[in-house]
PDB file of N, CA and C in Angstrom:
ATOM      1  N   MET A   1      38.581  24.216 -10.201  1.00  0.00           N
ATOM      2  CA  MET A   1      38.351  22.916 -10.803  1.00  0.00           C
ATOM      3  C   MET A   1      39.435  21.974 -10.274  1.00  0.00           C
ATOM      4  N   GLN A   2      39.003  20.927  -9.590  1.00  0.00           N
ATOM      5  CA  GLN A   2      39.907  19.946  -9.005  1.00  0.00           C
ATOM      6  C   GLN A   2      39.455  18.545  -9.400  1.00  0.00           C
ATOM      7  N   PHE A   3      40.397  17.622  -9.455  1.00  0.00           N
ATOM      8  CA  PHE A   3      40.077  16.228  -9.743  1.00  0.00           C
ATOM      9  C   PHE A   3      40.482  15.358  -8.565  1.00  0.00           C
ATOM     10  N   THR A   4      39.611  14.437  -8.209  1.00  0.00           N
ATOM     11  CA  THR A   4      39.893  13.438  -7.188  1.00  0.00           C
ATOM     12  C   THR A   4      39.462  12.092  -7.757  1.00  0.00           C
ATOM     13  N   THR A   5      39.562  11.056  -6.951  1.00  0.00           N
ATOM     14  CA  THR A   5      39.112   9.740  -7.389  1.00  0.00           C
ATOM     15  C   THR A   5      38.152   9.149  -6.362  1.00  0.00           C
ATOM     16  N   THR A   6      37.329   8.241  -6.823  1.00  0.00           N
ATOM     17  CA  THR A   6      36.420   7.523  -5.935  1.00  0.00           C
ATOM     18  C   THR A   6      37.192   6.388  -5.259  1.00  0.00           C
ATOM     19  N   ASN A   7      36.528   5.688  -4.363  1.00  0.00           N
ATOM     20  CA  ASN A   7      37.152   4.532  -3.706  1.00  0.00           C
ATOM     21  C   ASN A   7      37.544   3.455  -4.707  1.00  0.00           C
ATOM     22  N   ARG A   8      36.844   3.412  -5.831  1.00  0.00           N
ATOM     23  CA  ARG A   8      37.138   2.412  -6.866  1.00  0.00           C
ATOM     24  C   ARG A   8      38.094   2.931  -7.935  1.00  0.00           C
ATOM     25  N   GLY A   9      38.596   4.155  -7.771  1.00  0.00           N
ATOM     26  CA  GLY A   9      39.583   4.695  -8.690  1.00  0.00           C
ATOM     27  C   GLY A   9      39.037   5.481  -9.863  1.00  0.00           C
ATOM     28  N   ALA A  10      37.738   5.717  -9.922  1.00  0.00           N
ATOM     29  CA  ALA A  10      37.154   6.500 -11.021  1.00  0.00           C
ATOM     30  C   ALA A  10      37.434   7.987 -10.804  1.00  0.00           C
ATOM     31  N   LEU A  11      37.651   8.708 -11.879  1.00  0.00           N
ATOM     32  CA  LEU A  11      37.939  10.130 -11.814  1.00  0.00           C
ATOM     33  C   LEU A  11      36.687  10.930 -11.475  1.00  0.00           C
ATOM     34  N   VAL A  12      36.826  11.917 -10.568  1.00  0.00           N
ATOM     35  CA  VAL A  12      35.725  12.785 -10.158  1.00  0.00           C
ATOM     36  C   VAL A  12      36.168  14.229 -10.345  1.00  0.00           C
ATOM     37  N   LEU A  13      35.334  15.026 -10.999  1.00  0.00           N
ATOM     38  CA  LEU A  13      35.571  16.450 -11.181  1.00  0.00           C
ATOM     39  C   LEU A  13      34.842  17.198 -10.072  1.00  0.00           C
ATOM     40  N   ASN A  14      35.545  18.077  -9.354  1.00  0.00           N
ATOM     41  CA  ASN A  14      34.961  18.911  -8.307  1.00  0.00           C
ATOM     42  C   ASN A  14      34.988  20.347  -8.810  1.00  0.00           C
ATOM     43  N   TYR A  15      33.806  20.933  -9.007  1.00  0.00           N
ATOM     44  CA  TYR A  15      33.717  22.260  -9.604  1.00  0.00           C
ATOM     45  C   TYR A  15      32.569  23.029  -8.969  1.00  0.00           C
ATOM     46  N   GLN A  16      32.871  24.183  -8.403  1.00  0.00           N
ATOM     47  CA  GLN A  16      31.893  25.082  -7.790  1.00  0.00           C
ATOM     48  C   GLN A  16      31.018  24.379  -6.752  1.00  0.00           C
ATOM     49  N   GLY A  17      31.612  23.506  -5.968  1.00  0.00           N
ATOM     50  CA  GLY A  17      30.889  22.837  -4.899  1.00  0.00           C
ATOM     51  C   GLY A  17      30.125  21.596  -5.312  1.00  0.00           C
ATOM     52  N   PHE A  18      30.193  21.221  -6.562  1.00  0.00           N
ATOM     53  CA  PHE A  18      29.483  20.040  -7.058  1.00  0.00           C
ATOM     54  C   PHE A  18      30.480  19.008  -7.560  1.00  0.00           C
ATOM     55  N   GLN A  19      30.073  17.756  -7.554  1.00  0.00           N
ATOM     56  CA  GLN A  19      30.898  16.670  -8.065  1.00  0.00           C
ATOM     57  C   GLN A  19      30.302  16.147  -9.367  1.00  0.00           C
ATOM     58  N   TYR A  20      31.192  15.850 -10.314  1.00  0.00           N
ATOM     59  CA  TYR A  20      30.782  15.339 -11.619  1.00  0.00           C
ATOM     60  C   TYR A  20      31.558  14.065 -11.927  1.00  0.00           C
ATOM     61  N   SER A  21      30.922  13.150 -12.630  1.00  0.00           N
ATOM     62  CA  SER A  21      31.610  11.960 -13.128  1.00  0.00           C
ATOM     63  C   SER A  21      31.537  11.975 -14.652  1.00  0.00           C
ATOM     64  N   ILE A  22      32.481  11.281 -15.264  1.00  0.00           N
ATOM     65  CA  ILE A  22      32.543  11.284 -16.724  1.00  0.00           C
ATOM     66  C   ILE A  22      31.313  10.570 -17.287  1.00  0.00           C
ATOM     67  N   LYS A  23      30.696  11.226 -18.245  1.00  0.00           N
ATOM     68  CA  LYS A  23      29.506  10.654 -18.880  1.00  0.00           C
ATOM     69  C   LYS A  23      29.877  10.029 -20.215  1.00  0.00           C
ATOM     70  N   ARG A  24      30.595  10.790 -21.029  1.00  0.00           N
ATOM     71  CA  ARG A  24      30.936  10.317 -22.372  1.00  0.00           C
ATOM     72  C   ARG A  24      32.211  11.025 -22.837  1.00  0.00           C
ATOM     73  N   GLU A  25      33.056  10.306 -23.540  1.00  0.00           N
ATOM     74  CA  GLU A  25      34.272  10.874 -24.107  1.00  0.00           C
ATOM     75  C   GLU A  25      34.118  10.971 -25.619  1.00  0.00           C
ATOM     76  N   TYR A  26      34.200  12.183 -26.132  1.00  0.00           N
ATOM     77  CA  TYR A  26      34.114  12.429 -27.570  1.00  0.00           C
ATOM     78  C   TYR A  26      35.512  12.714 -28.108  1.00  0.00           C
ATOM     79  N   THR A  27      35.631  12.906 -29.411  1.00  0.00           N
ATOM     80  CA  THR A  27      36.945  13.167 -30.000  1.00  0.00           C
ATOM     81  C   THR A  27      37.491  14.534 -29.612  1.00  0.00           C
ATOM     82  N   LYS A  28      36.611  15.537 -29.399  1.00  0.00           N
ATOM     83  CA  LYS A  28      37.073  16.892 -29.088  1.00  0.00           C
ATOM     84  C   LYS A  28      36.780  17.336 -27.660  1.00  0.00           C
ATOM     85  N   ASN A  29      35.896  16.638 -26.958  1.00  0.00           N
ATOM     86  CA  ASN A  29      35.560  17.052 -25.597  1.00  0.00           C
ATOM     87  C   ASN A  29      35.100  15.866 -24.759  1.00  0.00           C
ATOM     88  N   ASN A  30      35.048  16.105 -23.451  1.00  0.00           N
ATOM     89  CA  ASN A  30      34.524  15.123 -22.500  1.00  0.00           C
ATOM     90  C   ASN A  30      33.284  15.701 -21.844  1.00  0.00           C
ATOM     91  N   GLU A  31      32.249  14.907 -21.748  1.00  0.00           N
ATOM     92  CA  GLU A  31      30.986  15.325 -21.130  1.00  0.00           C
ATOM     93  C   GLU A  31      30.950  14.762 -19.711  1.00  0.00           C
ATOM     94  N   TRP A  32      30.731  15.641 -18.730  1.00  0.00           N
ATOM     95  CA  TRP A  32      30.659  15.267 -17.320  1.00  0.00           C
ATOM     96  C   TRP A  32      29.253  15.538 -16.817  1.00  0.00           C
ATOM     97  N   HIS A  33      28.719  14.672 -15.934  1.00  0.00           N
ATOM     98  CA  HIS A  33      27.391  14.919 -15.377  1.00  0.00           C
ATOM     99  C   HIS A  33      27.456  14.876 -13.853  1.00  0.00           C
ATOM    100  N   CYS A  34      26.519  15.580 -13.235  1.00  0.00           N
ATOM    101  CA  CYS A  34      26.464  15.685 -11.780  1.00  0.00           C
ATOM    102  C   CYS A  34      26.316  14.290 -11.173  1.00  0.00           C
ATOM    103  N   ARG A  35      27.031  14.034 -10.085  1.00  0.00           N
ATOM    104  CA  ARG A  35      26.956  12.717  -9.440  1.00  0.00           C
ATOM    105  C   ARG A  35      25.695  12.556  -8.607  1.00  0.00           C
ATOM    106  N   ALA A  36      25.071  13.671  -8.194  1.00  0.00           N
ATOM    107  CA  ALA A  36      23.845  13.600  -7.385  1.00  0.00           C
ATOM    108  C   ALA A  36      22.669  13.264  -8.291  1.00  0.00           C
ATOM    109  N   ARG A  37      21.833  12.375  -7.844  1.00  0.00           N
ATOM    110  CA  ARG A  37      20.653  12.000  -8.631  1.00  0.00           C
ATOM    111  C   ARG A  37      19.483  12.874  -8.269  1.00  0.00           C
ATOM    112  N   PRO A  38      18.591  13.236  -9.160  1.00  0.00           N
ATOM    113  CA  PRO A  38      18.625  12.896 -10.579  1.00  0.00           C
ATOM    114  C   PRO A  38      19.696  13.723 -11.290  1.00  0.00           C
ATOM    115  N   ARG A  39      20.377  13.132 -12.223  1.00  0.00           N
ATOM    116  CA  ARG A  39      21.485  13.790 -12.920  1.00  0.00           C
ATOM    117  C   ARG A  39      20.947  14.712 -13.999  1.00  0.00           C
ATOM    118  N   THR A  40      20.682  15.934 -13.618  1.00  0.00           N
ATOM    119  CA  THR A  40      20.071  16.879 -14.553  1.00  0.00           C
ATOM    120  C   THR A  40      21.061  17.884 -15.116  1.00  0.00           C
ATOM    121  N   THR A  41      22.249  17.964 -14.550  1.00  0.00           N
ATOM    122  CA  THR A  41      23.204  18.984 -14.958  1.00  0.00           C
ATOM    123  C   THR A  41      24.477  18.341 -15.491  1.00  0.00           C
ATOM    124  N   SER A  42      25.017  18.937 -16.546  1.00  0.00           N
ATOM    125  CA  SER A  42      26.275  18.444 -17.096  1.00  0.00           C
ATOM    126  C   SER A  42      27.112  19.625 -17.569  1.00  0.00           C
ATOM    127  N   LEU A  43      28.380  19.361 -17.834  1.00  0.00           N
ATOM    128  CA  LEU A  43      29.278  20.369 -18.393  1.00  0.00           C
ATOM    129  C   LEU A  43      30.247  19.674 -19.323  1.00  0.00           C
ATOM    130  N   SER A  44      30.872  20.450 -20.192  1.00  0.00           N
ATOM    131  CA  SER A  44      31.820  19.900 -21.161  1.00  0.00           C
ATOM    132  C   SER A  44      33.196  20.482 -20.914  1.00  0.00           C
ATOM    133  N   LEU A  45      34.189  19.613 -20.929  1.00  0.00           N
ATOM    134  CA  LEU A  45      35.581  20.027 -20.840  1.00  0.00           C
ATOM    135  C   LEU A  45      36.277  19.644 -22.131  1.00  0.00           C
ATOM    136  N   CYS A  46      37.386  20.338 -22.436  1.00  0.00           N
ATOM    137  CA  CYS A  46      38.162  19.945 -23.607  1.00  0.00           C
ATOM    138  C   CYS A  46      38.706  18.539 -23.384  1.00  0.00           C
ATOM    139  N   ARG A  47      39.235  17.927 -24.393  1.00  0.00           N
ATOM    140  CA  ARG A  47      39.637  16.518 -24.344  1.00  0.00           C
ATOM    141  C   ARG A  47      40.662  16.229 -23.246  1.00  0.00           C
ATOM    142  N   ASP A  48      41.555  17.185 -22.952  1.00  0.00           N
ATOM    143  CA  ASP A  48      42.559  16.959 -21.909  1.00  0.00           C
ATOM    144  C   ASP A  48      42.085  17.406 -20.523  1.00  0.00           C
ATOM    145  N   ASN A  49      40.808  17.784 -20.408  1.00  0.00           N
ATOM    146  CA  ASN A  49      40.172  18.181 -19.141  1.00  0.00           C
ATOM    147  C   ASN A  49      40.838  19.378 -18.465  1.00  0.00           C
ATOM    148  N   LYS A  50      41.398  20.293 -19.264  1.00  0.00           N
ATOM    149  CA  LYS A  50      42.058  21.459 -18.678  1.00  0.00           C
ATOM    150  C   LYS A  50      41.244  22.737 -18.783  1.00  0.00           C
ATOM    151  N   SER A  51      40.300  22.811 -19.700  1.00  0.00           N
ATOM    152  CA  SER A  51      39.485  24.021 -19.824  1.00  0.00           C
ATOM    153  C   SER A  51      38.024  23.655 -20.078  1.00  0.00           C
ATOM    154  N   ILE A  52      37.145  24.558 -19.636  1.00  0.00           N
ATOM    155  CA  ILE A  52      35.705  24.332 -19.747  1.00  0.00           C
ATOM    156  C   ILE A  52      35.208  24.834 -21.092  1.00  0.00           C
ATOM    157  N   ILE A  53      34.494  23.994 -21.809  1.00  0.00           N
ATOM    158  CA  ILE A  53      33.892  24.380 -23.083  1.00  0.00           C
ATOM    159  C   ILE A  53      32.476  24.885 -22.856  1.00  0.00           C
ATOM    160  N   ARG A  54      31.721  24.176 -22.017  1.00  0.00           N
ATOM    161  CA  ARG A  54      30.342  24.579 -21.707  1.00  0.00           C
ATOM    162  C   ARG A  54      30.135  24.503 -20.201  1.00  0.00           C
ATOM    163  N   GLU A  55      29.739  25.632 -19.611  1.00  0.00           N
ATOM    164  CA  GLU A  55      29.471  25.710 -18.170  1.00  0.00           C
ATOM    165  C   GLU A  55      28.242  24.875 -17.811  1.00  0.00           C
ATOM    166  N   PRO A  56      28.160  24.417 -16.558  1.00  0.00           N
ATOM    167  CA  PRO A  56      26.984  23.633 -16.148  1.00  0.00           C
ATOM    168  C   PRO A  56      25.735  24.489 -16.050  1.00  0.00           C
ATOM    169  N   GLY A  57      24.581  23.838 -16.153  1.00  0.00           N
ATOM    170  CA  GLY A  57      23.300  24.518 -15.995  1.00  0.00           C
ATOM    171  C   GLY A  57      22.926  24.631 -14.526  1.00  0.00           C
ATOM    172  N   VAL A  58      21.648  24.749 -14.260  1.00  0.00           N
ATOM    173  CA  VAL A  58      21.141  24.898 -12.897  1.00  0.00           C
ATOM    174  C   VAL A  58      21.029  23.527 -12.238  1.00  0.00           C
ATOM    175  N   HIS A  59      21.507  23.442 -11.002  1.00  0.00           N
ATOM    176  CA  HIS A  59      21.446  22.195 -10.237  1.00  0.00           C
ATOM    177  C   HIS A  59      20.175  22.128  -9.408  1.00  0.00           C
ATOM    178  N   ILE A  60      19.627  20.930  -9.251  1.00  0.00           N
ATOM    179  CA  ILE A  60      18.529  20.681  -8.322  1.00  0.00           C
ATOM    180  C   ILE A  60      19.111  20.378  -6.944  1.00  0.00           C
ATOM    181  N   CYS A  61      20.268  19.714  -6.913  1.00  0.00           N
ATOM    182  CA  CYS A  61      20.916  19.354  -5.652  1.00  0.00           C
ATOM    183  C   CYS A  61      21.620  20.573  -5.049  1.00  0.00           C
ATOM    184  N   THR A  62      22.070  20.448  -3.804  1.00  0.00           N
ATOM    185  CA  THR A  62      22.780  21.542  -3.138  1.00  0.00           C
ATOM    186  C   THR A  62      24.275  21.275  -3.204  1.00  0.00           C
ATOM    187  N   PRO A  63      25.079  22.348  -3.292  1.00  0.00           N
ATOM    188  CA  PRO A  63      26.530  22.160  -3.371  1.00  0.00           C
ATOM    189  C   PRO A  63      27.088  21.634  -2.053  1.00  0.00           C
ATOM    190  N   ASN A  64      28.190  20.935  -2.148  1.00  0.00           N
ATOM    191  CA  ASN A  64      28.851  20.379  -0.979  1.00  0.00           C
ATOM    192  C   ASN A  64      30.117  21.187  -0.723  1.00  0.00           C
ATOM    193  N   ARG A  65      29.990  22.305  -0.037  1.00  0.00           N
ATOM    194  CA  ARG A  65      31.128  23.193   0.228  1.00  0.00           C
ATOM    195  C   ARG A  65      32.166  22.528   1.122  1.00  0.00           C
ATOM    196  N   PHE A  66      31.743  21.730   2.089  1.00  0.00           N
ATOM    197  CA  PHE A  66      32.672  21.065   2.991  1.00  0.00           C
ATOM    198  C   PHE A  66      33.607  20.147   2.217  1.00  0.00           C
ATOM    199  N   PHE A  67      33.073  19.427   1.239  1.00  0.00           N
ATOM    200  CA  PHE A  67      33.909  18.533   0.448  1.00  0.00           C
ATOM    201  C   PHE A  67      34.955  19.322  -0.326  1.00  0.00           C
ATOM    202  N   ASN A  68      34.576  20.473  -0.895  1.00  0.00           N
ATOM    203  CA  ASN A  68      35.546  21.276  -1.636  1.00  0.00           C
ATOM    204  C   ASN A  68      36.674  21.744  -0.736  1.00  0.00           C
ATOM    205  N   CYS A  69      36.376  22.069   0.520  1.00  0.00           N
ATOM    206  CA  CYS A  69      37.427  22.456   1.463  1.00  0.00           C
ATOM    207  C   CYS A  69      38.392  21.296   1.667  1.00  0.00           C
ATOM    208  N   LEU A  70      37.869  20.084   1.773  1.00  0.00           N
ATOM    209  CA  LEU A  70      38.727  18.913   1.935  1.00  0.00           C
ATOM    210  C   LEU A  70      39.599  18.697   0.707  1.00  0.00           C
ATOM    211  N   VAL A  71      39.057  18.922  -0.470  1.00  0.00           N
ATOM    212  CA  VAL A  71      39.827  18.760  -1.703  1.00  0.00           C
ATOM    213  C   VAL A  71      40.960  19.765  -1.744  1.00  0.00           C
ATOM    214  N   ILE A  72      40.696  21.010  -1.391  1.00  0.00           N
ATOM    215  CA  ILE A  72      41.730  22.048  -1.398  1.00  0.00           C
ATOM    216  C   ILE A  72      42.814  21.713  -0.383  1.00  0.00           C
ATOM    217  N   LEU A  73      42.421  21.291   0.825  1.00  0.00           N
ATOM    218  CA  LEU A  73      43.408  20.908   1.831  1.00  0.00           C
ATOM    219  C   LEU A  73      44.242  19.730   1.355  1.00  0.00           C
ATOM    220  N   TYR A  74      43.620  18.773   0.696  1.00  0.00           N
ATOM    221  CA  TYR A  74      44.346  17.628   0.159  1.00  0.00           C
ATOM    222  C   TYR A  74      45.381  18.095  -0.860  1.00  0.00           C
ATOM    223  N   ASP A  75      44.995  19.002  -1.749  1.00  0.00           N
ATOM    224  CA  ASP A  75      45.914  19.510  -2.765  1.00  0.00           C
ATOM    225  C   ASP A  75      47.081  20.246  -2.126  1.00  0.00           C
ATOM    226  N   ILE A  76      46.808  21.039  -1.083  1.00  0.00           N
ATOM    227  CA  ILE A  76      47.873  21.773  -0.396  1.00  0.00           C
ATOM    228  C   ILE A  76      48.826  20.784   0.260  1.00  0.00           C
ATOM    229  N   ASN A  77      48.306  19.800   0.972  1.00  0.00           N
ATOM    230  CA  ASN A  77      49.158  18.798   1.616  1.00  0.00           C
ATOM    231  C   ASN A  77      49.955  18.010   0.593  1.00  0.00           C
ATOM    232  N   TYR A  78      49.346  17.655  -0.513  1.00  0.00           N
ATOM    233  CA  TYR A  78      50.030  16.921  -1.567  1.00  0.00           C
ATOM    234  C   TYR A  78      51.185  17.755  -2.108  1.00  0.00           C
ATOM    235  N   SER A  79      50.935  19.054  -2.336  1.00  0.00           N
ATOM    236  CA  SER A  79      51.979  19.943  -2.846  1.00  0.00           C
ATOM    237  C   SER A  79      53.112  20.076  -1.839  1.00  0.00           C
ATOM    238  N   LEU A  80      52.766  20.218  -0.559  1.00  0.00           N
ATOM    239  CA  LEU A  80      53.791  20.361   0.469  1.00  0.00           C
ATOM    240  C   LEU A  80      54.661  19.107   0.564  1.00  0.00           C
ATOM    241  N   LEU A  81      54.062  17.950   0.402  1.00  0.00           N
ATOM    242  CA  LEU A  81      54.822  16.707   0.511  1.00  0.00           C
ATOM    243  C   LEU A  81      55.747  16.472  -0.676  1.00  0.00           C
ATOM    244  N   PHE A  82      55.299  16.816  -1.874  1.00  0.00           N
ATOM    245  CA  PHE A  82      56.041  16.437  -3.066  1.00  0.00           C
ATOM    246  C   PHE A  82      56.783  17.578  -3.755  1.00  0.00           C
ATOM    247  N   ASP A  83      56.647  18.812  -3.271  1.00  0.00           N
ATOM    248  CA  ASP A  83      57.362  19.929  -3.886  1.00  0.00           C
ATOM    249  C   ASP A  83      58.674  20.234  -3.174  1.00  0.00           C
ATOM    250  N   MET A  84      59.021  19.477  -2.159  1.00  0.00           N
ATOM    251  CA  MET A  84      60.243  19.755  -1.379  1.00  0.00           C
ATOM    252  C   MET A  84      61.477  19.290  -2.094  1.00  0.00           C
TER     253      MET A  84
END
C-alpha cells in the first residue's frame, strides 16, 4: 500500500496494482474507490489510512503493474535521499 499524489495534489492510494481516490471520509474510516471508470470497486481504510478495514472487490479494469514499479522506485529514491 503506497500513497502518491496527482498533478493537482490530490492523494492517490496504490494497492495491488490499482489506483484509488478518496470517495468519502467518515468518522471512523475513509472510503476509497477505483480511479478507472466505471468505478465499481472500493475499499475502506481506517481514519489515519494505515490499515485496511475492508478489502476491495473484483475489478473490471486491469491492474497497472508498471505504475506500481514506478511508485516503489520513487519510494526507494526518496528514502535514499532523505535518510542520509
